[in-house]
């Protein structure tokens, strides 16, 4: 959600107004926030420029507390840490850079699925998971995947035999959406540092 708020600020600045709260209200109501605002302002002809502003903005983001420490502790234990992320490459790279994950994890351990050949490689497609396993020379059964979107994150890992861990992120966009955890048979955590204990399993 922090990324969305950051994007709405960039849009608000572009439109030379104080529209962040209005955009957020549309978002929380399940509406297409930017389209709704442009319609209200009578500036629909600027849609592509405004969307480009949102997608290309340099976000202000912060890792959740304890995440950087967790990654460092896992790496000290020789647990490999990587990221598989969906979305437009420019936006995803801006997020990764804003969070400092390119330095903490390294780009060689990050896969942006759209860069594999298009949106058809986004989750639940299993190609990125197979590539990561091959890159690390690991069997899928020796890997674990952490995600927050029950509707798409765990189909490929479960199919490949990876351990699956659902981060039930109350501050996340996907909180409350998706399939039943009982159907997926995934472990649930509510706090990222819990992963350190699970890494021993």
N, C-alpha and C. Protein backbone atom coordinates (compact mmCIF):
# COMPACT_ATOMS: atom_id res chain seq x y z
N UNK A 1 0.82 -1.20 0.00
CA UNK A 1 0.00 0.00 0.00
C UNK A 1 0.86 1.25 0.00
N UNK A 2 2.05 1.16 0.58
CA UNK A 2 2.94 2.32 0.62
C UNK A 2 3.31 2.75 -0.80
N UNK A 3 3.49 1.76 -1.70
CA UNK A 3 3.81 2.08 -3.09
C UNK A 3 2.64 2.81 -3.76
N UNK A 4 1.44 2.36 -3.51
CA UNK A 4 0.26 2.98 -4.11
C UNK A 4 0.13 4.42 -3.62
N UNK A 5 0.29 4.63 -2.33
CA UNK A 5 0.22 5.99 -1.79
C UNK A 5 1.30 6.89 -2.40
N UNK A 6 2.50 6.33 -2.56
CA UNK A 6 3.60 7.08 -3.16
C UNK A 6 3.26 7.46 -4.60
N UNK A 7 2.66 6.53 -5.32
CA UNK A 7 2.25 6.81 -6.70
C UNK A 7 1.16 7.86 -6.77
N UNK A 8 0.23 7.82 -5.84
CA UNK A 8 -0.85 8.83 -5.83
C UNK A 8 -0.29 10.21 -5.53
N UNK A 9 0.75 10.28 -4.72
CA UNK A 9 1.39 11.58 -4.47
C UNK A 9 2.02 12.12 -5.74
N UNK A 10 2.69 11.21 -6.50
CA UNK A 10 3.31 11.62 -7.76
C UNK A 10 2.25 12.12 -8.74
N UNK A 11 1.12 11.45 -8.80
CA UNK A 11 0.02 11.85 -9.68
C UNK A 11 -0.54 13.19 -9.23
N UNK A 12 -0.73 13.33 -7.93
CA UNK A 12 -1.25 14.58 -7.38
C UNK A 12 -0.34 15.75 -7.71
N UNK A 13 0.96 15.53 -7.57
CA UNK A 13 1.93 16.58 -7.90
C UNK A 13 1.88 16.91 -9.38
N UNK A 14 1.77 15.89 -10.22
CA UNK A 14 1.70 16.10 -11.67
C UNK A 14 0.47 16.94 -12.04
N UNK A 15 -0.64 16.66 -11.39
CA UNK A 15 -1.89 17.37 -11.68
C UNK A 15 -1.98 18.71 -10.95
N UNK A 16 -0.92 19.02 -10.18
CA UNK A 16 -0.82 20.30 -9.49
C UNK A 16 -1.99 20.53 -8.53
N UNK A 17 -2.23 19.51 -7.71
CA UNK A 17 -3.32 19.63 -6.75
C UNK A 17 -3.07 18.77 -5.53
N UNK A 18 -4.02 18.78 -4.60
CA UNK A 18 -3.92 17.95 -3.39
C UNK A 18 -4.98 16.85 -3.50
N UNK A 19 -4.65 15.83 -4.29
CA UNK A 19 -5.63 14.80 -4.63
C UNK A 19 -5.32 13.43 -4.01
N UNK A 20 -4.31 13.35 -3.16
CA UNK A 20 -3.90 12.05 -2.64
C UNK A 20 -5.03 11.35 -1.87
N UNK A 21 -5.69 12.08 -0.98
CA UNK A 21 -6.76 11.47 -0.18
C UNK A 21 -7.94 11.06 -1.05
N UNK A 22 -8.24 11.87 -2.06
CA UNK A 22 -9.35 11.55 -2.96
C UNK A 22 -9.03 10.26 -3.74
N UNK A 23 -7.79 10.17 -4.25
CA UNK A 23 -7.37 8.97 -4.96
C UNK A 23 -7.43 7.74 -4.05
N UNK A 24 -6.96 7.90 -2.82
CA UNK A 24 -6.98 6.78 -1.87
C UNK A 24 -8.41 6.36 -1.57
N UNK A 25 -9.32 7.31 -1.46
CA UNK A 25 -10.72 7.00 -1.23
C UNK A 25 -11.32 6.18 -2.37
N UNK A 26 -11.00 6.55 -3.59
CA UNK A 26 -11.46 5.78 -4.75
C UNK A 26 -10.88 4.36 -4.71
N UNK A 27 -9.59 4.28 -4.37
CA UNK A 27 -8.94 2.97 -4.30
C UNK A 27 -9.61 2.07 -3.26
N UNK A 28 -9.85 2.61 -2.07
CA UNK A 28 -10.46 1.81 -1.01
C UNK A 28 -11.90 1.41 -1.35
N UNK A 29 -12.53 2.20 -2.22
CA UNK A 29 -13.89 1.88 -2.66
C UNK A 29 -13.89 0.86 -3.80
N UNK A 30 -12.69 0.41 -4.20
CA UNK A 30 -12.59 -0.58 -5.26
C UNK A 30 -12.72 -0.01 -6.66
N UNK A 31 -12.55 1.30 -6.79
CA UNK A 31 -12.69 1.95 -8.10
C UNK A 31 -11.32 2.18 -8.73
N UNK A 32 -11.33 2.44 -10.04
CA UNK A 32 -10.09 2.80 -10.74
C UNK A 32 -9.80 4.25 -10.41
N UNK A 33 -8.94 4.45 -9.41
CA UNK A 33 -8.77 5.76 -8.79
C UNK A 33 -8.37 6.85 -9.77
N UNK A 34 -7.38 6.57 -10.60
CA UNK A 34 -6.89 7.60 -11.51
C UNK A 34 -7.95 7.95 -12.55
N UNK A 35 -8.62 6.95 -13.08
CA UNK A 35 -9.70 7.21 -14.05
C UNK A 35 -10.81 8.05 -13.43
N UNK A 36 -11.17 7.71 -12.19
CA UNK A 36 -12.24 8.44 -11.52
C UNK A 36 -11.86 9.90 -11.31
N UNK A 37 -10.62 10.14 -10.88
CA UNK A 37 -10.18 11.50 -10.63
C UNK A 37 -10.12 12.31 -11.93
N UNK A 38 -9.57 11.72 -12.97
CA UNK A 38 -9.46 12.44 -14.25
C UNK A 38 -10.83 12.77 -14.82
N UNK A 39 -11.78 11.86 -14.63
CA UNK A 39 -13.15 12.12 -15.08
C UNK A 39 -13.74 13.29 -14.31
N UNK A 40 -13.52 13.28 -13.00
CA UNK A 40 -14.04 14.36 -12.16
C UNK A 40 -13.42 15.71 -12.53
N UNK A 41 -12.14 15.70 -12.90
CA UNK A 41 -11.44 16.95 -13.25
C UNK A 41 -11.64 17.35 -14.71
N UNK A 42 -12.25 16.45 -15.48
CA UNK A 42 -12.41 16.73 -16.91
C UNK A 42 -11.09 16.71 -17.66
N UNK A 43 -10.18 15.83 -17.22
CA UNK A 43 -8.84 15.77 -17.83
C UNK A 43 -8.53 14.35 -18.34
N UNK A 44 -9.58 13.69 -18.85
CA UNK A 44 -9.39 12.31 -19.32
C UNK A 44 -8.36 12.20 -20.44
N UNK A 45 -8.17 13.29 -21.20
CA UNK A 45 -7.23 13.26 -22.31
C UNK A 45 -5.77 13.11 -21.83
N UNK A 46 -5.54 13.30 -20.54
CA UNK A 46 -4.18 13.18 -20.00
C UNK A 46 -3.92 11.81 -19.38
N UNK A 47 -4.83 10.88 -19.59
CA UNK A 47 -4.76 9.58 -18.90
C UNK A 47 -3.41 8.88 -19.10
N UNK A 48 -2.94 8.76 -20.33
CA UNK A 48 -1.70 8.03 -20.57
C UNK A 48 -0.51 8.68 -19.89
N UNK A 49 -0.47 10.02 -19.90
CA UNK A 49 0.64 10.72 -19.24
C UNK A 49 0.58 10.53 -17.74
N UNK A 50 -0.63 10.55 -17.19
CA UNK A 50 -0.79 10.38 -15.74
C UNK A 50 -0.42 8.95 -15.33
N UNK A 51 -0.87 7.98 -16.13
CA UNK A 51 -0.51 6.58 -15.83
C UNK A 51 1.00 6.38 -15.92
N UNK A 52 1.63 7.01 -16.90
CA UNK A 52 3.08 6.90 -17.02
C UNK A 52 3.76 7.53 -15.81
N UNK A 53 3.20 8.62 -15.33
CA UNK A 53 3.73 9.28 -14.13
C UNK A 53 3.67 8.33 -12.94
N UNK A 54 2.54 7.64 -12.78
CA UNK A 54 2.37 6.69 -11.68
C UNK A 54 3.35 5.53 -11.81
N UNK A 55 3.43 4.97 -13.01
CA UNK A 55 4.23 3.76 -13.22
C UNK A 55 5.73 4.02 -13.14
N UNK A 56 6.16 5.22 -13.51
CA UNK A 56 7.60 5.49 -13.57
C UNK A 56 8.12 6.28 -12.37
N UNK A 57 7.24 6.64 -11.44
CA UNK A 57 7.69 7.47 -10.32
C UNK A 57 8.70 6.72 -9.44
N UNK A 58 9.56 7.48 -8.81
CA UNK A 58 10.53 6.92 -7.87
C UNK A 58 9.87 6.88 -6.49
N UNK A 59 9.45 5.70 -6.05
CA UNK A 59 8.67 5.63 -4.81
C UNK A 59 9.49 5.85 -3.55
N UNK A 60 8.79 6.26 -2.51
CA UNK A 60 9.37 6.34 -1.17
C UNK A 60 8.82 5.13 -0.42
N UNK A 61 9.69 4.15 -0.13
CA UNK A 61 9.26 2.90 0.47
C UNK A 61 10.17 2.51 1.62
N UNK A 62 9.64 1.68 2.50
CA UNK A 62 10.42 1.19 3.64
C UNK A 62 10.17 -0.31 3.81
N UNK A 63 11.22 -1.04 4.11
CA UNK A 63 11.05 -2.45 4.45
C UNK A 63 10.32 -2.56 5.78
N UNK A 64 9.56 -3.63 5.95
CA UNK A 64 8.94 -3.88 7.25
C UNK A 64 10.04 -4.10 8.29
N UNK A 65 9.74 -3.75 9.52
CA UNK A 65 10.71 -3.90 10.59
C UNK A 65 11.25 -5.31 10.70
N UNK A 66 12.55 -5.44 10.80
CA UNK A 66 13.19 -6.73 10.98
C UNK A 66 13.53 -7.46 9.69
N UNK A 67 13.08 -6.95 8.54
CA UNK A 67 13.29 -7.68 7.29
C UNK A 67 14.77 -7.71 6.88
N UNK A 68 15.42 -6.55 6.94
CA UNK A 68 16.83 -6.52 6.53
C UNK A 68 17.67 -7.41 7.45
N UNK A 69 17.40 -7.34 8.74
CA UNK A 69 18.13 -8.17 9.70
C UNK A 69 17.88 -9.66 9.42
N UNK A 70 16.64 -10.00 9.10
CA UNK A 70 16.28 -11.38 8.81
C UNK A 70 17.07 -11.89 7.61
N UNK A 71 17.10 -11.10 6.54
CA UNK A 71 17.81 -11.52 5.32
C UNK A 71 19.28 -11.75 5.62
N UNK A 72 19.88 -10.84 6.38
CA UNK A 72 21.30 -10.99 6.71
C UNK A 72 21.55 -12.22 7.56
N UNK A 73 20.66 -12.50 8.51
CA UNK A 73 20.82 -13.68 9.36
C UNK A 73 20.66 -14.96 8.54
N UNK A 74 19.71 -14.97 7.62
CA UNK A 74 19.53 -16.14 6.77
C UNK A 74 20.76 -16.37 5.89
N UNK A 75 21.28 -15.30 5.32
CA UNK A 75 22.46 -15.43 4.46
C UNK A 75 23.67 -15.91 5.25
N UNK A 76 23.78 -15.48 6.50
CA UNK A 76 24.88 -15.95 7.36
C UNK A 76 24.76 -17.45 7.63
N UNK A 77 23.54 -17.95 7.54
CA UNK A 77 23.29 -19.37 7.75
C UNK A 77 23.38 -20.14 6.42
N UNK A 78 23.82 -19.45 5.37
CA UNK A 78 23.92 -20.02 4.02
C UNK A 78 22.56 -20.39 3.43
N UNK A 79 21.52 -19.67 3.85
CA UNK A 79 20.21 -19.81 3.22
C UNK A 79 20.15 -18.77 2.10
N UNK A 80 19.90 -19.22 0.89
CA UNK A 80 19.83 -18.29 -0.23
C UNK A 80 18.50 -17.55 -0.21
N UNK A 81 18.55 -16.28 -0.54
CA UNK A 81 17.36 -15.44 -0.51
C UNK A 81 17.20 -14.77 -1.88
N UNK A 82 16.02 -14.88 -2.44
CA UNK A 82 15.75 -14.26 -3.74
C UNK A 82 14.34 -13.70 -3.80
N UNK A 83 14.04 -13.07 -4.91
CA UNK A 83 12.72 -12.46 -5.12
C UNK A 83 12.21 -12.85 -6.49
N UNK A 84 10.94 -13.23 -6.55
CA UNK A 84 10.22 -13.39 -7.81
C UNK A 84 9.06 -12.41 -7.75
N UNK A 85 9.05 -11.44 -8.67
CA UNK A 85 8.04 -10.40 -8.61
C UNK A 85 7.41 -10.16 -9.98
N UNK A 86 6.11 -9.91 -9.97
CA UNK A 86 5.37 -9.62 -11.19
C UNK A 86 5.24 -8.11 -11.38
N UNK A 87 5.07 -7.69 -12.62
CA UNK A 87 4.77 -6.29 -12.87
C UNK A 87 5.67 -5.70 -13.94
N UNK A 88 5.35 -4.47 -14.32
CA UNK A 88 6.14 -3.77 -15.32
C UNK A 88 7.56 -3.60 -14.80
N UNK A 89 8.57 -3.96 -15.61
CA UNK A 89 9.95 -3.93 -15.13
C UNK A 89 10.40 -2.59 -14.54
N UNK A 90 10.03 -1.48 -15.18
CA UNK A 90 10.49 -0.18 -14.66
C UNK A 90 9.97 0.05 -13.25
N UNK A 91 8.68 -0.20 -13.04
CA UNK A 91 8.09 -0.01 -11.72
C UNK A 91 8.68 -0.95 -10.68
N UNK A 92 8.89 -2.21 -11.07
CA UNK A 92 9.44 -3.18 -10.12
C UNK A 92 10.87 -2.82 -9.75
N UNK A 93 11.65 -2.38 -10.72
CA UNK A 93 13.04 -1.99 -10.43
C UNK A 93 13.08 -0.77 -9.52
N UNK A 94 12.14 0.15 -9.72
CA UNK A 94 12.08 1.33 -8.85
C UNK A 94 11.76 0.92 -7.41
N UNK A 95 10.85 -0.05 -7.25
CA UNK A 95 10.52 -0.54 -5.91
C UNK A 95 11.73 -1.21 -5.26
N UNK A 96 12.37 -2.09 -6.02
CA UNK A 96 13.53 -2.83 -5.52
C UNK A 96 14.63 -1.88 -5.08
N UNK A 97 14.88 -0.86 -5.90
CA UNK A 97 15.92 0.12 -5.59
C UNK A 97 15.54 0.95 -4.36
N UNK A 98 14.27 1.38 -4.29
CA UNK A 98 13.82 2.20 -3.17
C UNK A 98 13.95 1.45 -1.84
N UNK A 99 13.76 0.14 -1.88
CA UNK A 99 13.86 -0.68 -0.68
C UNK A 99 15.29 -1.13 -0.39
N UNK A 100 16.20 -0.88 -1.33
CA UNK A 100 17.59 -1.29 -1.14
C UNK A 100 17.82 -2.78 -1.32
N UNK A 101 16.83 -3.47 -1.90
CA UNK A 101 16.94 -4.93 -2.04
C UNK A 101 17.96 -5.34 -3.09
N UNK A 102 18.24 -4.45 -4.05
CA UNK A 102 19.27 -4.76 -5.03
C UNK A 102 20.63 -4.90 -4.35
N UNK A 103 20.83 -4.15 -3.27
CA UNK A 103 22.10 -4.23 -2.54
C UNK A 103 22.08 -5.36 -1.50
N UNK A 104 20.94 -5.53 -0.83
CA UNK A 104 20.85 -6.54 0.23
C UNK A 104 20.85 -7.96 -0.34
N UNK A 105 20.13 -8.15 -1.44
CA UNK A 105 19.96 -9.47 -2.03
C UNK A 105 20.82 -9.65 -3.28
N UNK A 106 20.91 -8.59 -4.10
CA UNK A 106 21.65 -8.67 -5.36
C UNK A 106 20.72 -8.98 -6.52
N UNK A 107 20.89 -8.26 -7.63
CA UNK A 107 20.00 -8.44 -8.78
C UNK A 107 20.07 -9.85 -9.36
N UNK A 108 21.20 -10.54 -9.16
CA UNK A 108 21.32 -11.90 -9.69
C UNK A 108 20.35 -12.86 -9.00
N UNK A 109 19.79 -12.45 -7.86
CA UNK A 109 18.83 -13.27 -7.12
C UNK A 109 17.41 -12.72 -7.21
N UNK A 110 17.16 -11.87 -8.19
CA UNK A 110 15.84 -11.25 -8.37
C UNK A 110 15.35 -11.55 -9.79
N UNK A 111 14.14 -12.06 -9.88
CA UNK A 111 13.52 -12.30 -11.19
C UNK A 111 12.25 -11.45 -11.29
N UNK A 112 12.22 -10.57 -12.30
CA UNK A 112 11.02 -9.82 -12.64
C UNK A 112 10.37 -10.59 -13.78
N UNK A 113 9.24 -11.20 -13.52
CA UNK A 113 8.67 -12.17 -14.46
C UNK A 113 8.40 -11.58 -15.84
N UNK A 114 8.00 -10.31 -15.92
CA UNK A 114 7.71 -9.72 -17.22
C UNK A 114 8.95 -9.68 -18.12
N UNK A 115 10.14 -9.67 -17.52
CA UNK A 115 11.37 -9.65 -18.30
C UNK A 115 11.68 -11.01 -18.93
N UNK A 116 10.96 -12.03 -18.52
CA UNK A 116 11.17 -13.36 -19.09
C UNK A 116 10.52 -13.49 -20.46
N UNK A 117 9.67 -12.53 -20.81
CA UNK A 117 9.01 -12.60 -22.12
C UNK A 117 7.59 -12.09 -22.15
N UNK A 118 7.14 -11.44 -21.08
CA UNK A 118 5.80 -10.87 -21.10
C UNK A 118 4.97 -11.29 -19.90
N UNK A 119 3.74 -10.78 -19.88
CA UNK A 119 2.88 -10.99 -18.72
C UNK A 119 2.46 -12.45 -18.54
N UNK A 120 2.60 -13.26 -19.60
CA UNK A 120 2.23 -14.68 -19.47
C UNK A 120 3.15 -15.42 -18.52
N UNK A 121 4.29 -14.80 -18.16
CA UNK A 121 5.22 -15.44 -17.23
C UNK A 121 4.98 -15.02 -15.78
N UNK A 122 3.96 -14.20 -15.55
CA UNK A 122 3.62 -13.82 -14.18
C UNK A 122 3.04 -15.01 -13.42
N UNK A 123 3.16 -14.96 -12.10
CA UNK A 123 2.53 -15.99 -11.28
C UNK A 123 1.04 -16.06 -11.61
N UNK A 124 0.45 -17.26 -11.69
CA UNK A 124 0.94 -18.54 -11.17
C UNK A 124 1.82 -19.37 -12.12
N UNK A 125 2.29 -18.81 -13.23
CA UNK A 125 3.21 -19.53 -14.11
C UNK A 125 4.43 -19.99 -13.29
N UNK A 126 4.91 -21.19 -13.58
CA UNK A 126 5.99 -21.76 -12.76
C UNK A 126 7.40 -21.53 -13.33
N UNK A 127 7.51 -20.87 -14.48
CA UNK A 127 8.81 -20.74 -15.15
C UNK A 127 9.84 -20.03 -14.26
N UNK A 128 9.46 -18.92 -13.64
CA UNK A 128 10.41 -18.17 -12.80
C UNK A 128 10.91 -19.02 -11.64
N UNK A 129 10.03 -19.85 -11.08
CA UNK A 129 10.43 -20.72 -9.96
C UNK A 129 11.43 -21.77 -10.44
N UNK A 130 11.19 -22.30 -11.64
CA UNK A 130 12.11 -23.28 -12.21
C UNK A 130 13.47 -22.64 -12.50
N UNK A 131 13.45 -21.42 -13.01
CA UNK A 131 14.70 -20.72 -13.31
C UNK A 131 15.50 -20.48 -12.03
N UNK A 132 14.81 -20.05 -10.95
CA UNK A 132 15.51 -19.79 -9.69
C UNK A 132 16.13 -21.08 -9.15
N UNK A 133 15.39 -22.17 -9.21
CA UNK A 133 15.92 -23.45 -8.73
C UNK A 133 17.15 -23.86 -9.54
N UNK A 134 17.08 -23.69 -10.85
CA UNK A 134 18.21 -24.05 -11.71
C UNK A 134 19.40 -23.13 -11.46
N UNK A 135 19.11 -21.86 -11.27
CA UNK A 135 20.17 -20.88 -11.02
C UNK A 135 20.93 -21.22 -9.74
N UNK A 136 20.20 -21.69 -8.73
CA UNK A 136 20.82 -22.02 -7.45
C UNK A 136 21.26 -23.47 -7.37
N UNK A 137 20.96 -24.26 -8.42
CA UNK A 137 21.27 -25.69 -8.43
C UNK A 137 20.68 -26.39 -7.21
N UNK A 138 19.41 -26.10 -6.97
CA UNK A 138 18.70 -26.71 -5.84
C UNK A 138 17.48 -27.47 -6.34
N UNK A 139 17.10 -28.51 -5.61
CA UNK A 139 15.82 -29.16 -5.87
C UNK A 139 14.71 -28.31 -5.28
N UNK A 140 13.57 -28.30 -5.95
CA UNK A 140 12.44 -27.51 -5.46
C UNK A 140 12.06 -27.89 -4.03
N UNK A 141 12.21 -29.17 -3.70
CA UNK A 141 11.85 -29.64 -2.36
C UNK A 141 12.73 -29.02 -1.27
N UNK A 142 13.88 -28.47 -1.66
CA UNK A 142 14.78 -27.84 -0.70
C UNK A 142 14.60 -26.32 -0.65
N UNK A 143 13.56 -25.84 -1.28
CA UNK A 143 13.30 -24.40 -1.34
C UNK A 143 11.97 -24.07 -0.68
N UNK A 144 11.84 -22.83 -0.23
CA UNK A 144 10.58 -22.36 0.33
C UNK A 144 10.19 -21.06 -0.35
N UNK A 145 8.91 -20.84 -0.48
CA UNK A 145 8.43 -19.60 -1.11
C UNK A 145 7.49 -18.88 -0.15
N UNK A 146 7.71 -17.59 0.02
CA UNK A 146 6.87 -16.77 0.89
C UNK A 146 6.10 -15.80 0.01
N UNK A 147 4.79 -15.74 0.18
CA UNK A 147 3.98 -14.81 -0.59
C UNK A 147 2.82 -14.30 0.24
N UNK A 148 2.13 -13.29 -0.29
CA UNK A 148 0.99 -12.74 0.45
C UNK A 148 -0.32 -12.81 -0.33
N UNK A 149 -0.28 -13.34 -1.56
CA UNK A 149 -1.48 -13.38 -2.39
C UNK A 149 -1.92 -14.83 -2.57
N UNK A 150 -2.93 -15.22 -1.81
CA UNK A 150 -3.39 -16.60 -1.85
C UNK A 150 -3.92 -17.00 -3.21
N UNK A 151 -4.40 -16.04 -3.99
CA UNK A 151 -5.03 -16.39 -5.26
C UNK A 151 -4.03 -16.77 -6.35
N UNK A 152 -2.75 -16.37 -6.22
CA UNK A 152 -1.81 -16.70 -7.30
C UNK A 152 -0.42 -17.12 -6.85
N UNK A 153 -0.03 -16.81 -5.64
CA UNK A 153 1.37 -17.01 -5.24
C UNK A 153 1.78 -18.47 -5.06
N UNK A 154 0.87 -19.35 -4.70
CA UNK A 154 1.29 -20.66 -4.21
C UNK A 154 1.00 -21.82 -5.15
N UNK A 155 0.36 -21.56 -6.27
CA UNK A 155 0.05 -22.67 -7.17
C UNK A 155 1.32 -23.32 -7.72
N UNK A 156 2.22 -22.50 -8.25
CA UNK A 156 3.47 -23.04 -8.82
C UNK A 156 4.36 -23.68 -7.76
N UNK A 157 4.62 -23.02 -6.62
CA UNK A 157 5.45 -23.66 -5.61
C UNK A 157 4.90 -25.00 -5.13
N UNK A 158 3.58 -25.07 -4.93
CA UNK A 158 2.98 -26.33 -4.47
C UNK A 158 3.13 -27.41 -5.53
N UNK A 159 2.93 -27.02 -6.80
CA UNK A 159 3.05 -27.96 -7.90
C UNK A 159 4.48 -28.50 -8.01
N UNK A 160 5.46 -27.65 -7.74
CA UNK A 160 6.87 -28.05 -7.85
C UNK A 160 7.40 -28.74 -6.60
N UNK A 161 6.62 -28.72 -5.52
CA UNK A 161 7.04 -29.38 -4.29
C UNK A 161 7.80 -28.49 -3.32
N UNK A 162 7.74 -27.17 -3.51
CA UNK A 162 8.38 -26.24 -2.58
C UNK A 162 7.55 -26.08 -1.32
N UNK A 163 8.20 -25.74 -0.24
CA UNK A 163 7.47 -25.36 0.97
C UNK A 163 6.81 -24.01 0.70
N UNK A 164 5.60 -23.84 1.18
CA UNK A 164 4.85 -22.61 0.90
C UNK A 164 4.44 -21.94 2.21
N UNK A 165 4.74 -20.66 2.30
CA UNK A 165 4.46 -19.90 3.52
C UNK A 165 3.69 -18.63 3.15
N UNK A 166 2.52 -18.47 3.74
CA UNK A 166 1.67 -17.31 3.47
C UNK A 166 1.92 -16.25 4.53
N UNK A 167 2.37 -15.07 4.08
CA UNK A 167 2.49 -13.93 4.98
C UNK A 167 1.15 -13.21 4.98
N UNK A 168 0.40 -13.39 6.06
CA UNK A 168 -0.93 -12.76 6.16
C UNK A 168 -0.71 -11.30 6.56
N UNK A 169 -0.48 -10.49 5.55
CA UNK A 169 -0.07 -9.10 5.73
C UNK A 169 -1.29 -8.19 5.85
N UNK A 170 -1.59 -7.76 7.06
CA UNK A 170 -2.76 -6.91 7.28
C UNK A 170 -2.64 -5.57 6.58
N UNK A 171 -1.43 -5.16 6.24
CA UNK A 171 -1.22 -3.89 5.55
C UNK A 171 -1.08 -4.08 4.05
N UNK A 172 -1.26 -5.30 3.58
CA UNK A 172 -1.06 -5.60 2.16
C UNK A 172 -2.31 -5.40 1.33
N UNK A 173 -2.10 -5.22 0.04
CA UNK A 173 -3.20 -5.04 -0.91
C UNK A 173 -4.06 -6.29 -0.98
N UNK A 174 -3.46 -7.47 -0.78
CA UNK A 174 -4.19 -8.73 -0.98
C UNK A 174 -4.79 -9.29 0.31
N UNK A 175 -4.73 -8.53 1.39
CA UNK A 175 -5.26 -9.02 2.65
C UNK A 175 -6.76 -9.32 2.50
N UNK A 176 -7.14 -10.54 2.86
CA UNK A 176 -8.56 -10.91 2.81
C UNK A 176 -9.02 -11.40 1.46
N UNK A 177 -8.14 -11.41 0.45
CA UNK A 177 -8.55 -11.85 -0.88
C UNK A 177 -7.96 -13.24 -1.17
N UNK A 178 -8.64 -13.97 -2.02
CA UNK A 178 -8.07 -15.23 -2.51
C UNK A 178 -8.72 -16.45 -1.93
N UNK A 179 -8.06 -17.57 -2.15
CA UNK A 179 -8.59 -18.86 -1.76
C UNK A 179 -8.45 -19.10 -0.26
N UNK A 180 -9.08 -20.16 0.17
CA UNK A 180 -8.96 -20.56 1.57
C UNK A 180 -7.59 -21.17 1.81
N UNK A 181 -6.99 -20.82 2.92
CA UNK A 181 -5.68 -21.40 3.26
C UNK A 181 -5.79 -22.91 3.45
N UNK A 182 -6.97 -23.39 3.84
CA UNK A 182 -7.15 -24.83 4.01
C UNK A 182 -7.04 -25.57 2.69
N UNK A 183 -7.51 -24.93 1.61
CA UNK A 183 -7.43 -25.55 0.29
C UNK A 183 -5.98 -25.64 -0.19
N UNK A 184 -5.16 -24.68 0.22
CA UNK A 184 -3.80 -24.60 -0.28
C UNK A 184 -2.79 -25.34 0.58
N UNK A 185 -3.13 -25.64 1.82
CA UNK A 185 -2.21 -26.31 2.75
C UNK A 185 -0.88 -25.58 2.85
N UNK A 186 -0.91 -24.30 3.11
CA UNK A 186 0.31 -23.53 3.29
C UNK A 186 0.43 -23.12 4.76
N UNK A 187 1.65 -22.89 5.19
CA UNK A 187 1.87 -22.41 6.55
C UNK A 187 1.59 -20.92 6.58
N UNK A 188 1.12 -20.43 7.71
CA UNK A 188 0.77 -19.02 7.83
C UNK A 188 1.66 -18.34 8.84
N UNK A 189 2.13 -17.13 8.48
CA UNK A 189 2.83 -16.28 9.43
C UNK A 189 2.19 -14.90 9.39
N UNK A 190 2.31 -14.17 10.47
CA UNK A 190 1.77 -12.81 10.52
C UNK A 190 2.86 -11.78 10.74
N UNK A 191 4.10 -12.27 10.89
CA UNK A 191 5.23 -11.37 11.13
C UNK A 191 6.45 -11.96 10.42
N UNK A 192 7.08 -11.18 9.56
CA UNK A 192 8.17 -11.68 8.73
C UNK A 192 9.30 -12.34 9.52
N UNK A 193 9.74 -11.78 10.67
CA UNK A 193 10.83 -12.44 11.42
C UNK A 193 10.53 -13.88 11.83
N UNK A 194 9.25 -14.29 11.80
CA UNK A 194 8.93 -15.68 12.09
C UNK A 194 9.64 -16.65 11.12
N UNK A 195 10.03 -16.13 9.96
CA UNK A 195 10.66 -16.98 8.95
C UNK A 195 11.99 -17.55 9.43
N UNK A 196 12.67 -16.86 10.32
CA UNK A 196 13.97 -17.35 10.76
C UNK A 196 13.83 -18.70 11.43
N UNK A 197 12.81 -18.86 12.27
CA UNK A 197 12.57 -20.13 12.92
C UNK A 197 12.16 -21.20 11.93
N UNK A 198 11.34 -20.82 10.92
CA UNK A 198 10.88 -21.79 9.94
C UNK A 198 12.00 -22.25 9.02
N UNK A 199 13.04 -21.44 8.87
CA UNK A 199 14.14 -21.80 7.96
C UNK A 199 14.89 -23.04 8.43
N UNK A 200 14.66 -23.45 9.67
CA UNK A 200 15.32 -24.64 10.19
C UNK A 200 14.54 -25.90 9.82
N UNK A 201 13.28 -25.73 9.38
CA UNK A 201 12.42 -26.88 9.05
C UNK A 201 12.83 -27.51 7.72
